[in-house]
Amino acid sequence: MIICIDVGNTTILFGVYDNDQLIDTYRMETKILKTSDEYGSSLLAHFQINDINKKQITGAIVSSVVPSVDHALEKMLVDYFKIKPIFVNTNLDLGLNILIEPKNSLGADLLVGSFIATQKYGCPNIVVDMGTATTIIVVDENKQIIGGMIYPGVREAFASLVKATSLLESTKLEVPNKPIENNTKGCLQSGMYYGTASLIEGVVNRYKKELNNPNTKVIMTGGVSKVYQSLLNEYVYDENLLLEGMKEIYKKLTK
């Protein structure tokens, strides 16, 4: 079994694979000051509840966009599991040509998403990852990561709007009754839902035009993306895309 660790700005997602089967996931808040012992004790307690034997875990891979927590996670894996983890970075040979400038500025999450999307769905492809930020990354027909965009996450963007606007109140991200709403709460939800979906559709269509390939595969992932699954149903929804990507990268690098 191996542990795949997806470190995001808001949460850290742990996924345990037994061969190719995802058997467990566990999420905890990303905290810069958290110690290796805090990570380790929390993870072991979860494993104990879910009958996962730590002695059967033989490897680990980390995709992190928060470098300040990397050392604590690495120390936790060494101390508690006797494992030296692989960290995803742009120096790994994953069969993709990275055209981002500078190359090492490409986030590990974007690299993992591009790798597994190309492996599973072919290229060209566009990966839309909706979390703390909404990121869109593009791989062209020549397996080149050519670029994309970073946009504020929907929850974060609307939280900032509410904070800066005295007459608006925070509301949940959920499907509104209709696109044209007639009350403040409904209008905010319509903006979060239909407005964000329209933005994604607009960007994707522009990218397809630039790629000159209307059949480019579009894959959606990330914690927020599930809300949009039914509305953006022409795209592929792949909930565990990054965990699977890390698992496949681990396999590729440890053959």
Protein backbone atom coordinates (compact mmCIF):
# COMPACT_ATOMS: atom_id res chain seq x y z
CA MET A 1 0.00 0.00 0.00
CA ILE A 2 1.09 3.56 -0.62
CA ILE A 3 -0.01 6.94 0.73
CA CYS A 4 -0.70 9.74 -1.74
CA ILE A 5 -0.73 13.18 -0.12
CA ASP A 6 -2.27 16.17 -1.91
CA VAL A 7 -1.29 19.33 -0.02
CA GLY A 8 -3.55 22.25 -0.88
CA ASN A 9 -3.76 25.74 0.54
CA THR A 10 -6.81 24.91 2.65
CA THR A 11 -6.71 21.15 3.23
CA ILE A 12 -4.41 18.15 2.95
CA LEU A 13 -5.96 15.06 1.38
CA PHE A 14 -4.46 11.66 2.19
CA GLY A 15 -5.33 8.73 -0.07
CA VAL A 16 -4.30 5.12 0.55
CA TYR A 17 -3.96 2.80 -2.43
CA ASP A 18 -3.77 -0.96 -2.24
CA ASN A 19 -2.32 -1.71 -5.67
CA ASP A 20 -4.68 0.24 -7.95
CA GLN A 21 -7.61 0.41 -5.53
CA LEU A 22 -8.25 3.57 -3.50
CA ILE A 23 -9.24 2.10 -0.14
CA ASP A 24 -9.28 5.15 2.11
CA THR A 25 -9.19 8.94 2.12
CA TYR A 26 -8.65 11.34 4.98
CA ARG A 27 -8.70 15.12 4.95
CA MET A 28 -7.24 17.54 7.47
CA GLU A 29 -6.74 21.29 7.57
CA THR A 30 -3.48 22.67 6.20
CA LYS A 31 -1.68 24.35 9.11
CA ILE A 32 1.78 25.77 8.62
CA LEU A 33 2.72 25.42 12.31
CA LYS A 34 1.51 21.83 12.67
CA THR A 35 4.26 19.45 13.80
CA SER A 36 5.18 16.08 12.35
CA ASP A 37 3.89 14.43 15.54
CA GLU A 38 0.51 16.14 15.16
CA TYR A 39 0.23 14.90 11.58
CA GLY A 40 1.41 11.44 12.55
CA SER A 41 -0.83 10.93 15.57
CA SER A 42 -3.89 12.18 13.68
CA LEU A 43 -3.20 9.92 10.70
CA LEU A 44 -2.50 6.86 12.85
CA ALA A 45 -5.71 7.40 14.81
CA HIS A 46 -7.66 7.52 11.56
CA PHE A 47 -5.94 4.36 10.30
CA GLN A 48 -6.72 2.54 13.54
CA ILE A 49 -10.41 3.40 13.28
CA ASN A 50 -10.46 2.21 9.66
CA ASP A 51 -8.43 -0.97 10.22
CA ILE A 52 -5.45 0.07 8.11
CA ASN A 53 -2.19 -1.55 9.21
CA LYS A 54 0.60 1.02 8.97
CA LYS A 55 3.15 -1.77 8.52
CA GLN A 56 1.58 -2.59 5.14
CA ILE A 57 2.28 0.92 3.83
CA THR A 58 5.51 0.73 1.87
CA GLY A 59 5.67 4.01 -0.02
CA ALA A 60 4.48 7.60 -0.18
CA ILE A 61 4.25 10.43 -2.69
CA VAL A 62 3.49 14.08 -2.00
CA SER A 63 2.12 16.80 -4.28
CA SER A 64 2.39 20.09 -2.41
CA VAL A 65 1.63 23.74 -3.15
CA VAL A 66 2.50 24.75 0.43
CA PRO A 67 6.28 24.24 0.78
CA SER A 68 6.25 25.33 4.44
CA VAL A 69 4.52 22.09 5.50
CA ASP A 70 6.66 19.75 3.42
CA HIS A 71 9.34 19.18 6.05
CA ALA A 72 6.81 18.25 8.76
CA LEU A 73 5.08 15.80 6.41
CA GLU A 74 8.37 14.23 5.33
CA LYS A 75 9.53 13.86 8.95
CA MET A 76 6.15 12.32 9.86
CA LEU A 77 6.45 9.73 7.09
CA VAL A 78 10.01 8.86 8.09
CA ASP A 79 9.32 8.72 11.84
CA TYR A 80 5.94 6.99 11.82
CA PHE A 81 6.10 4.85 8.66
CA LYS A 82 9.85 4.49 7.99
CA ILE A 83 9.25 5.82 4.48
CA LYS A 84 11.18 8.40 2.47
CA PRO A 85 8.50 10.05 0.29
CA ILE A 86 8.72 11.13 -3.34
CA PHE A 87 7.89 14.82 -3.84
CA VAL A 88 6.37 15.73 -7.20
CA ASN A 89 8.36 18.43 -9.01
CA THR A 90 9.11 19.57 -12.53
CA ASN A 91 12.46 17.73 -12.61
CA LEU A 92 10.70 14.35 -12.79
CA ASP A 93 10.60 12.70 -16.20
CA LEU A 94 6.87 12.21 -16.75
CA GLY A 95 6.81 12.29 -20.55
CA LEU A 96 5.46 15.84 -20.75
CA ASN A 97 7.27 18.86 -22.17
CA ILE A 98 6.72 21.80 -19.82
CA LEU A 99 6.57 25.15 -21.61
CA ILE A 100 5.76 27.16 -18.47
CA GLU A 101 8.29 29.92 -17.75
CA PRO A 102 10.17 29.41 -15.55
CA LYS A 103 9.61 25.67 -15.65
CA ASN A 104 9.88 25.18 -11.88
CA SER A 105 7.05 27.65 -11.26
CA LEU A 106 4.49 25.06 -12.40
CA GLY A 107 2.56 23.86 -9.36
CA ALA A 108 2.88 20.20 -8.45
CA ASP A 109 -0.91 19.84 -8.54
CA LEU A 110 -1.05 21.15 -12.12
CA LEU A 111 1.72 18.79 -13.17
CA VAL A 112 -0.03 15.79 -11.60
CA GLY A 113 -3.35 16.76 -13.19
CA SER A 114 -1.80 17.16 -16.63
CA PHE A 115 0.06 13.86 -16.36
CA ILE A 116 -2.91 11.71 -15.38
CA ALA A 117 -5.36 13.50 -17.70
CA THR A 118 -3.03 12.76 -20.61
CA GLN A 119 -2.62 9.15 -19.51
CA LYS A 120 -6.36 8.53 -19.01
CA TYR A 121 -8.02 10.75 -21.60
CA GLY A 122 -5.37 11.50 -24.21
CA CYS A 123 -4.42 14.91 -25.52
CA PRO A 124 -5.09 17.70 -26.12
CA ASN A 125 -6.78 18.10 -22.75
CA ILE A 126 -7.87 20.81 -20.34
CA VAL A 127 -7.99 20.19 -16.58
CA VAL A 128 -10.22 22.44 -14.47
CA ASP A 129 -9.36 22.09 -10.77
CA MET A 130 -11.77 23.90 -8.43
CA GLY A 131 -10.57 24.46 -4.90
CA THR A 132 -9.18 27.43 -2.98
CA ALA A 133 -8.26 28.67 -6.44
CA THR A 134 -9.78 27.65 -9.74
CA THR A 135 -6.94 26.56 -12.00
CA ILE A 136 -7.13 25.60 -15.65
CA ILE A 137 -4.15 23.90 -17.31
CA VAL A 138 -3.75 22.83 -20.94
CA VAL A 139 -1.81 20.02 -22.60
CA ASP A 140 -1.63 20.26 -26.40
CA GLU A 141 -1.63 17.44 -28.93
CA ASN A 142 2.16 17.12 -28.65
CA LYS A 143 2.04 16.39 -24.90
CA GLN A 144 3.24 19.87 -24.06
CA ILE A 145 1.95 21.72 -20.99
CA ILE A 146 1.47 25.07 -22.68
CA GLY A 147 -0.17 27.11 -19.91
CA GLY A 148 -3.54 28.06 -18.52
CA MET A 149 -5.00 30.38 -15.92
CA ILE A 150 -5.42 30.88 -12.18
CA TYR A 151 -8.65 32.39 -10.92
CA PRO A 152 -9.98 32.97 -7.38
CA GLY A 153 -11.87 30.01 -5.96
CA VAL A 154 -15.61 30.60 -6.00
CA ARG A 155 -16.06 30.50 -2.23
CA GLU A 156 -13.06 32.75 -1.61
CA ALA A 157 -14.10 35.25 -4.27
CA PHE A 158 -17.62 35.63 -2.91
CA ALA A 159 -16.42 35.75 0.70
CA SER A 160 -14.27 38.73 -0.28
CA LEU A 161 -17.22 40.33 -2.05
CA VAL A 162 -19.47 39.96 0.99
CA LYS A 163 -16.75 41.32 3.29
CA ALA A 164 -16.33 44.41 1.11
CA THR A 165 -20.05 45.06 0.61
CA SER A 166 -22.13 46.19 3.57
CA LEU A 167 -25.54 45.07 2.29
CA LEU A 168 -24.57 41.52 1.32
CA GLU A 169 -24.54 38.51 3.63
CA SER A 170 -22.61 35.29 3.19
CA THR A 171 -24.49 32.34 1.74
CA LYS A 172 -23.71 28.72 0.91
CA LEU A 173 -22.53 27.53 -2.46
CA GLU A 174 -25.49 25.52 -3.69
CA VAL A 175 -27.71 25.24 -6.74
CA PRO A 176 -30.18 28.17 -6.85
CA ASN A 177 -33.81 27.74 -7.88
CA LYS A 178 -33.24 29.47 -11.21
CA PRO A 179 -30.67 31.62 -13.03
CA ILE A 180 -32.68 34.85 -12.67
CA GLU A 181 -33.29 35.23 -8.94
CA ASN A 182 -35.34 37.94 -7.22
CA ASN A 183 -33.73 38.11 -3.75
CA THR A 184 -30.24 38.85 -2.49
CA LYS A 185 -29.41 35.34 -1.32
CA GLY A 186 -30.65 33.83 -4.58
CA CYS A 187 -28.74 36.36 -6.65
CA LEU A 188 -25.50 35.53 -4.84
CA GLN A 189 -26.09 31.82 -5.33
CA SER A 190 -26.87 32.41 -9.00
CA GLY A 191 -23.60 34.29 -9.35
CA MET A 192 -21.65 31.54 -7.62
CA TYR A 193 -23.30 28.78 -9.60
CA TYR A 194 -24.28 30.05 -13.05
CA GLY A 195 -21.74 32.87 -13.15
CA THR A 196 -18.81 30.59 -12.31
CA ALA A 197 -20.01 27.89 -14.71
CA SER A 198 -20.33 30.44 -17.51
CA LEU A 199 -16.81 31.70 -16.82
CA ILE A 200 -15.43 28.17 -17.06
CA GLU A 201 -17.35 27.47 -20.26
CA GLY A 202 -16.13 30.73 -21.77
CA VAL A 203 -12.48 30.06 -20.96
CA VAL A 204 -12.69 26.44 -22.14
CA ASN A 205 -14.24 27.49 -25.45
CA ARG A 206 -11.50 30.09 -25.97
CA TYR A 207 -8.86 27.48 -25.26
CA LYS A 208 -10.42 24.99 -27.65
CA LYS A 209 -10.41 27.68 -30.33
CA GLU A 210 -6.76 28.48 -29.65
CA LEU A 211 -5.89 24.78 -29.81
CA ASN A 212 -7.91 24.55 -33.02
CA ASN A 213 -9.50 21.36 -31.71
CA PRO A 214 -13.18 21.46 -30.65
CA ASN A 215 -12.90 17.84 -29.44
CA THR A 216 -10.35 18.64 -26.75
CA LYS A 217 -11.20 16.61 -23.65
CA VAL A 218 -12.12 18.69 -20.59
CA ILE A 219 -11.75 17.16 -17.13
CA MET A 220 -13.09 18.71 -13.92
CA THR A 221 -11.79 17.91 -10.46
CA GLY A 222 -11.28 19.50 -7.04
CA GLY A 223 -13.47 19.75 -3.96
CA VAL A 224 -15.80 22.42 -5.38
CA SER A 225 -16.27 20.91 -8.83
CA LYS A 226 -18.87 18.35 -7.74
CA VAL A 227 -21.42 21.16 -7.30
CA TYR A 228 -21.12 21.91 -11.04
CA GLN A 229 -21.16 18.31 -12.26
CA SER A 230 -24.75 18.29 -13.50
CA LEU A 231 -24.59 21.76 -15.07
CA LEU A 232 -21.28 21.21 -16.88
CA ASN A 233 -22.19 17.67 -17.85
CA GLU A 234 -20.41 17.80 -21.21
CA TYR A 235 -17.13 17.67 -19.29
CA VAL A 236 -15.65 14.62 -17.56
CA TYR A 237 -15.93 14.73 -13.77
CA ASP A 238 -13.06 12.87 -12.10
CA GLU A 239 -13.21 13.30 -8.32
CA ASN A 240 -9.93 11.60 -7.44
CA LEU A 241 -7.90 12.72 -10.46
CA LEU A 242 -4.92 14.03 -8.46
CA LEU A 243 -4.74 11.08 -6.08
CA GLU A 244 -4.80 8.70 -9.02
CA GLY A 245 -2.18 10.82 -10.76
CA MET A 246 0.16 10.58 -7.79
CA LYS A 247 -0.39 6.84 -7.60
CA GLU A 248 0.51 6.45 -11.29
CA ILE A 249 3.56 8.72 -10.94
CA TYR A 250 4.74 6.62 -8.00
CA LYS A 251 4.36 3.45 -10.06
CA LYS A 252 6.22 5.01 -12.99
CA LEU A 253 9.13 6.15 -10.84
CA THR A 254 9.51 2.93 -8.84
CA LYS A 255 9.32 0.31 -11.57
